[in-house]
Amino acid sequence: MGWCQVTARRELPYLDGATRFGPLDRRPVWSVSCFYVRRGYRERGVSAALLAATIRFAREAGAPALEAYPSRTDPEWYTGLVSTFARAGFREVGGRSADRPVMLRLLRPGRPAATDRRRRPER
């Protein structure tokens, strides 16, 4: 139904060549660089669920922060939408295009993702 690419930014050297996505943070951030949701499953919250899982995965792997390059208006870029990232706790930190900002979310070990809605067991 869908997938998301997340990896250490250093593993994606093409980002350094894309001037609008040049490094904005000295930390060894990870990049959420691509989404794909199969037609028929779009607009059902799949991207938000993938992003929540990505946040948990990166946190567990020890990533200090996640960086993303979503579009404000065009989901056809396959990078996700700004609104999805904003709801997941990302903030705009740069970029050279008003429609394609660079967004960042700091990760703290042991804290649940903003989009993680699991209930704690009652005592």
N, C-alpha and C. Protein backbone atom coordinates (compact mmCIF):
# COMPACT_ATOMS: atom_id res chain seq x y z
N MET A 1 0.81 -1.19 0.00
CA MET A 1 0.00 0.00 0.00
C MET A 1 0.85 1.25 0.00
N GLY A 2 2.07 1.21 0.57
CA GLY A 2 2.93 2.38 0.52
C GLY A 2 4.29 2.11 1.13
N TRP A 3 5.24 3.01 0.89
CA TRP A 3 6.57 2.91 1.49
C TRP A 3 7.16 4.31 1.62
N CYS A 4 8.22 4.39 2.41
CA CYS A 4 8.89 5.65 2.66
C CYS A 4 10.39 5.39 2.74
N GLN A 5 11.20 6.26 2.15
CA GLN A 5 12.65 6.13 2.25
C GLN A 5 13.15 7.02 3.38
N VAL A 6 13.90 6.41 4.30
CA VAL A 6 14.55 7.16 5.38
C VAL A 6 15.93 6.56 5.58
N THR A 7 16.93 7.42 5.65
CA THR A 7 18.31 6.98 5.83
C THR A 7 19.14 8.17 6.30
N ALA A 8 20.35 7.88 6.72
CA ALA A 8 21.25 8.96 7.10
C ALA A 8 21.49 9.85 5.88
N ARG A 9 21.44 11.16 6.09
CA ARG A 9 21.61 12.10 4.97
C ARG A 9 22.91 11.83 4.21
N ARG A 10 23.96 11.43 4.90
CA ARG A 10 25.25 11.20 4.24
C ARG A 10 25.15 10.08 3.19
N GLU A 11 24.13 9.24 3.27
CA GLU A 11 23.92 8.17 2.30
C GLU A 11 23.24 8.67 1.02
N LEU A 12 22.85 9.95 1.01
CA LEU A 12 22.16 10.53 -0.15
C LEU A 12 22.95 11.73 -0.67
N PRO A 13 24.12 11.50 -1.26
CA PRO A 13 24.97 12.62 -1.67
C PRO A 13 24.32 13.55 -2.69
N TYR A 14 23.31 13.08 -3.42
CA TYR A 14 22.65 13.95 -4.38
C TYR A 14 21.98 15.15 -3.71
N LEU A 15 21.65 15.02 -2.42
CA LEU A 15 21.04 16.15 -1.71
C LEU A 15 22.01 17.32 -1.59
N ASP A 16 23.29 17.04 -1.45
CA ASP A 16 24.28 18.11 -1.34
C ASP A 16 24.41 18.87 -2.65
N GLY A 17 24.15 18.23 -3.77
CA GLY A 17 24.22 18.89 -5.06
C GLY A 17 22.98 19.70 -5.38
N ALA A 18 21.90 19.43 -4.70
CA ALA A 18 20.66 20.19 -4.89
C ALA A 18 20.72 21.40 -3.98
N THR A 19 21.07 22.54 -4.51
CA THR A 19 21.35 23.72 -3.68
C THR A 19 20.20 24.09 -2.75
N ARG A 20 18.99 23.82 -3.16
CA ARG A 20 17.89 24.20 -2.26
C ARG A 20 17.78 23.27 -1.06
N PHE A 21 18.48 22.14 -1.09
CA PHE A 21 18.45 21.20 0.02
C PHE A 21 19.80 21.07 0.71
N GLY A 22 20.66 22.06 0.55
CA GLY A 22 21.99 21.99 1.17
C GLY A 22 21.88 21.76 2.67
N PRO A 23 22.91 21.20 3.30
CA PRO A 23 22.85 20.91 4.74
C PRO A 23 22.55 22.17 5.55
N LEU A 24 21.60 22.06 6.46
CA LEU A 24 21.22 23.18 7.30
C LEU A 24 21.57 22.92 8.76
N ASP A 25 22.02 21.73 9.06
CA ASP A 25 22.25 21.34 10.44
C ASP A 25 23.56 20.57 10.51
N ARG A 26 24.36 20.83 11.52
CA ARG A 26 25.65 20.13 11.66
C ARG A 26 25.50 18.73 12.23
N ARG A 27 24.37 18.43 12.84
CA ARG A 27 24.15 17.07 13.37
C ARG A 27 24.09 16.08 12.22
N PRO A 28 24.37 14.82 12.50
CA PRO A 28 24.26 13.79 11.46
C PRO A 28 22.80 13.40 11.26
N VAL A 29 22.02 14.33 10.70
CA VAL A 29 20.58 14.11 10.54
C VAL A 29 20.31 12.98 9.56
N TRP A 30 19.13 12.44 9.67
CA TRP A 30 18.62 11.46 8.72
C TRP A 30 17.64 12.18 7.81
N SER A 31 17.43 11.66 6.62
CA SER A 31 16.54 12.28 5.65
C SER A 31 15.34 11.39 5.35
N VAL A 32 14.18 12.02 5.36
CA VAL A 32 12.95 11.39 4.88
C VAL A 32 12.79 11.96 3.47
N SER A 33 13.24 11.19 2.48
CA SER A 33 13.39 11.77 1.15
C SER A 33 12.33 11.37 0.13
N CYS A 34 11.55 10.35 0.40
CA CYS A 34 10.60 9.92 -0.62
C CYS A 34 9.46 9.11 0.00
N PHE A 35 8.26 9.33 -0.53
CA PHE A 35 7.08 8.55 -0.16
C PHE A 35 6.46 7.98 -1.43
N TYR A 36 5.82 6.86 -1.28
CA TYR A 36 4.98 6.36 -2.36
C TYR A 36 3.78 5.69 -1.71
N VAL A 37 2.60 6.11 -2.14
CA VAL A 37 1.36 5.48 -1.68
C VAL A 37 0.61 5.05 -2.93
N ARG A 38 0.28 3.79 -2.98
CA ARG A 38 -0.39 3.22 -4.14
C ARG A 38 -1.74 3.90 -4.38
N ARG A 39 -2.02 4.13 -5.64
CA ARG A 39 -3.31 4.72 -6.02
C ARG A 39 -4.43 3.87 -5.42
N GLY A 40 -5.45 4.49 -4.94
CA GLY A 40 -6.54 3.78 -4.28
C GLY A 40 -6.40 3.80 -2.76
N TYR A 41 -5.18 4.07 -2.27
CA TYR A 41 -4.93 4.17 -0.82
C TYR A 41 -4.57 5.60 -0.42
N ARG A 42 -4.50 6.48 -1.40
CA ARG A 42 -4.14 7.87 -1.13
C ARG A 42 -5.29 8.58 -0.42
N GLU A 43 -4.94 9.61 0.33
CA GLU A 43 -5.90 10.41 1.10
C GLU A 43 -6.63 9.58 2.15
N ARG A 44 -5.95 8.56 2.68
CA ARG A 44 -6.50 7.72 3.74
C ARG A 44 -5.61 7.70 4.98
N GLY A 45 -4.63 8.60 5.03
CA GLY A 45 -3.75 8.67 6.19
C GLY A 45 -2.55 7.76 6.12
N VAL A 46 -2.31 7.16 4.96
CA VAL A 46 -1.17 6.24 4.82
C VAL A 46 0.15 7.00 5.01
N SER A 47 0.29 8.17 4.41
CA SER A 47 1.53 8.94 4.56
C SER A 47 1.79 9.29 6.01
N ALA A 48 0.75 9.69 6.73
CA ALA A 48 0.92 10.02 8.15
C ALA A 48 1.35 8.79 8.95
N ALA A 49 0.78 7.64 8.64
CA ALA A 49 1.16 6.40 9.33
C ALA A 49 2.60 6.01 9.00
N LEU A 50 2.98 6.16 7.74
CA LEU A 50 4.37 5.88 7.35
C LEU A 50 5.33 6.82 8.06
N LEU A 51 4.97 8.10 8.15
CA LEU A 51 5.83 9.07 8.82
C LEU A 51 5.97 8.75 10.31
N ALA A 52 4.89 8.37 10.95
CA ALA A 52 4.95 8.00 12.38
C ALA A 52 5.89 6.81 12.57
N ALA A 53 5.80 5.82 11.69
CA ALA A 53 6.68 4.66 11.79
C ALA A 53 8.13 5.05 11.51
N THR A 54 8.32 5.98 10.60
CA THR A 54 9.66 6.47 10.27
C THR A 54 10.29 7.17 11.47
N ILE A 55 9.51 7.98 12.16
CA ILE A 55 10.00 8.69 13.35
C ILE A 55 10.43 7.67 14.41
N ARG A 56 9.61 6.67 14.66
CA ARG A 56 9.96 5.64 15.64
C ARG A 56 11.22 4.89 15.22
N PHE A 57 11.30 4.50 13.96
CA PHE A 57 12.46 3.77 13.44
C PHE A 57 13.74 4.57 13.60
N ALA A 58 13.71 5.83 13.19
CA ALA A 58 14.90 6.68 13.27
C ALA A 58 15.32 6.91 14.72
N ARG A 59 14.34 7.11 15.60
CA ARG A 59 14.65 7.31 17.02
C ARG A 59 15.32 6.07 17.59
N GLU A 60 14.76 4.91 17.30
CA GLU A 60 15.32 3.66 17.82
C GLU A 60 16.72 3.38 17.25
N ALA A 61 17.00 3.88 16.04
CA ALA A 61 18.30 3.69 15.42
C ALA A 61 19.32 4.73 15.90
N GLY A 62 18.87 5.67 16.72
CA GLY A 62 19.78 6.66 17.28
C GLY A 62 19.95 7.93 16.48
N ALA A 63 19.10 8.17 15.50
CA ALA A 63 19.19 9.42 14.72
C ALA A 63 18.87 10.60 15.64
N PRO A 64 19.66 11.68 15.57
CA PRO A 64 19.40 12.83 16.42
C PRO A 64 18.28 13.72 15.89
N ALA A 65 18.02 13.64 14.58
CA ALA A 65 17.00 14.49 13.96
C ALA A 65 16.64 13.93 12.60
N LEU A 66 15.47 14.32 12.13
CA LEU A 66 15.01 13.95 10.80
C LEU A 66 14.82 15.23 9.99
N GLU A 67 15.24 15.18 8.74
CA GLU A 67 15.10 16.30 7.81
C GLU A 67 14.21 15.82 6.67
N ALA A 68 13.37 16.72 6.14
CA ALA A 68 12.47 16.35 5.05
C ALA A 68 12.35 17.51 4.07
N TYR A 69 11.88 17.22 2.87
CA TYR A 69 11.83 18.19 1.78
C TYR A 69 10.46 18.15 1.10
N PRO A 70 9.39 18.29 1.86
CA PRO A 70 8.04 18.12 1.30
C PRO A 70 7.60 19.29 0.42
N SER A 71 6.50 19.08 -0.24
CA SER A 71 5.88 20.10 -1.07
C SER A 71 4.71 20.71 -0.31
N ARG A 72 4.50 21.98 -0.50
CA ARG A 72 3.36 22.65 0.13
C ARG A 72 2.05 22.31 -0.58
N THR A 73 2.12 22.06 -1.90
CA THR A 73 0.88 21.90 -2.66
C THR A 73 0.81 20.69 -3.57
N ASP A 74 1.94 20.14 -3.99
CA ASP A 74 1.92 19.13 -5.05
C ASP A 74 2.37 17.76 -4.56
N PRO A 75 1.44 16.86 -4.26
CA PRO A 75 1.82 15.52 -3.79
C PRO A 75 2.51 14.68 -4.86
N GLU A 76 2.49 15.11 -6.10
CA GLU A 76 3.13 14.35 -7.17
C GLU A 76 4.65 14.37 -7.08
N TRP A 77 5.22 15.20 -6.18
CA TRP A 77 6.67 15.22 -6.01
C TRP A 77 7.14 13.98 -5.25
N TYR A 78 6.26 13.24 -4.62
CA TYR A 78 6.57 12.03 -3.87
C TYR A 78 7.48 12.29 -2.66
N THR A 79 7.42 13.50 -2.14
CA THR A 79 8.21 13.82 -0.96
C THR A 79 7.32 14.10 0.24
N GLY A 80 6.03 13.94 0.08
CA GLY A 80 5.09 14.23 1.15
C GLY A 80 4.65 15.68 1.12
N LEU A 81 3.67 15.99 1.94
CA LEU A 81 3.13 17.34 2.01
C LEU A 81 3.58 18.02 3.31
N VAL A 82 3.81 19.31 3.24
CA VAL A 82 4.22 20.10 4.40
C VAL A 82 3.25 19.90 5.55
N SER A 83 1.96 19.88 5.27
CA SER A 83 0.97 19.75 6.34
C SER A 83 1.12 18.44 7.11
N THR A 84 1.45 17.36 6.43
CA THR A 84 1.65 16.06 7.10
C THR A 84 2.84 16.14 8.04
N PHE A 85 3.92 16.73 7.58
CA PHE A 85 5.12 16.85 8.41
C PHE A 85 4.89 17.80 9.58
N ALA A 86 4.19 18.89 9.35
CA ALA A 86 3.91 19.85 10.44
C ALA A 86 3.10 19.17 11.54
N ARG A 87 2.09 18.38 11.17
CA ARG A 87 1.30 17.67 12.18
C ARG A 87 2.13 16.67 12.96
N ALA A 88 3.23 16.19 12.38
CA ALA A 88 4.10 15.22 13.04
C ALA A 88 5.23 15.89 13.83
N GLY A 89 5.17 17.21 13.97
CA GLY A 89 6.15 17.90 14.80
C GLY A 89 7.37 18.45 14.08
N PHE A 90 7.36 18.44 12.76
CA PHE A 90 8.46 19.03 12.00
C PHE A 90 8.23 20.54 11.90
N ARG A 91 9.34 21.29 11.81
CA ARG A 91 9.22 22.74 11.62
C ARG A 91 10.07 23.14 10.43
N GLU A 92 9.66 24.21 9.77
CA GLU A 92 10.41 24.70 8.62
C GLU A 92 11.70 25.35 9.10
N VAL A 93 12.81 24.97 8.48
CA VAL A 93 14.11 25.50 8.87
C VAL A 93 14.88 26.12 7.71
N GLY A 94 14.35 26.06 6.52
CA GLY A 94 15.05 26.65 5.38
C GLY A 94 14.48 26.20 4.07
N GLY A 95 15.33 26.27 3.07
CA GLY A 95 14.92 25.95 1.71
C GLY A 95 14.95 27.22 0.88
N ARG A 96 15.04 27.05 -0.40
CA ARG A 96 15.11 28.21 -1.28
C ARG A 96 13.86 28.38 -2.12
N SER A 97 12.87 27.55 -1.87
CA SER A 97 11.61 27.64 -2.60
C SER A 97 10.48 27.69 -1.58
N ALA A 98 9.58 28.63 -1.74
CA ALA A 98 8.45 28.76 -0.82
C ALA A 98 7.58 27.50 -0.83
N ASP A 99 7.52 26.82 -1.96
CA ASP A 99 6.69 25.63 -2.06
C ASP A 99 7.40 24.37 -1.59
N ARG A 100 8.73 24.38 -1.47
CA ARG A 100 9.49 23.19 -1.09
C ARG A 100 10.43 23.50 0.07
N PRO A 101 9.91 23.72 1.27
CA PRO A 101 10.80 24.03 2.39
C PRO A 101 11.56 22.79 2.87
N VAL A 102 12.63 23.04 3.58
CA VAL A 102 13.32 21.98 4.31
C VAL A 102 12.72 22.00 5.70
N MET A 103 12.34 20.83 6.20
CA MET A 103 11.72 20.74 7.53
C MET A 103 12.56 19.83 8.40
N LEU A 104 12.53 20.08 9.71
CA LEU A 104 13.37 19.34 10.65
C LEU A 104 12.56 18.96 11.88
N ARG A 105 12.82 17.78 12.38
CA ARG A 105 12.26 17.35 13.66
C ARG A 105 13.39 16.75 14.48
N LEU A 106 13.62 17.33 15.66
CA LEU A 106 14.61 16.78 16.58
C LEU A 106 14.02 15.54 17.22
N LEU A 107 14.85 14.56 17.46
CA LEU A 107 14.39 13.32 18.08
C LEU A 107 15.05 13.16 19.44
N ARG A 108 14.25 12.85 20.42
CA ARG A 108 14.76 12.59 21.76
C ARG A 108 14.50 11.13 22.07
N PRO A 109 15.52 10.42 22.49
CA PRO A 109 15.33 9.00 22.79
C PRO A 109 14.22 8.79 23.83
N GLY A 110 13.38 7.83 23.57
CA GLY A 110 12.36 7.45 24.54
C GLY A 110 11.07 8.23 24.50
N ARG A 111 10.99 9.27 23.68
CA ARG A 111 9.74 10.03 23.59
C ARG A 111 8.89 9.49 22.46
N PRO A 112 7.58 9.32 22.67
CA PRO A 112 6.73 8.82 21.59
C PRO A 112 6.56 9.84 20.48
N ALA A 113 6.37 9.35 19.26
CA ALA A 113 6.16 10.23 18.11
C ALA A 113 4.87 11.02 18.30
N ALA A 114 4.83 12.23 17.76
CA ALA A 114 3.65 13.09 17.87
C ALA A 114 2.43 12.44 17.25
N THR A 115 2.62 11.63 16.24
CA THR A 115 1.49 10.99 15.56
C THR A 115 1.20 9.60 16.12
N ASP A 116 1.93 9.18 17.15
CA ASP A 116 1.72 7.87 17.75
C ASP A 116 0.58 7.97 18.76
N ARG A 117 -0.54 7.37 18.46
CA ARG A 117 -1.75 7.51 19.29
C ARG A 117 -2.03 6.28 20.15
N ARG A 118 -1.03 5.45 20.39
CA ARG A 118 -1.25 4.25 21.20
C ARG A 118 -1.64 4.64 22.62
N ARG A 119 -2.53 3.89 23.19
CA ARG A 119 -2.98 4.14 24.56
C ARG A 119 -2.11 3.35 25.51
N ARG A 120 -1.86 3.93 26.66
CA ARG A 120 -1.13 3.22 27.70
C ARG A 120 -2.10 2.28 28.43
N PRO A 121 -1.62 1.14 28.87
CA PRO A 121 -2.51 0.23 29.61
C PRO A 121 -2.94 0.88 30.93
N GLU A 122 -4.16 0.64 31.29
CA GLU A 122 -4.66 1.18 32.55
C GLU A 122 -4.08 0.39 33.71
N ARG A 123 -3.84 1.07 34.81
CA ARG A 123 -3.29 0.40 35.99
C ARG A 123 -4.35 0.08 36.98
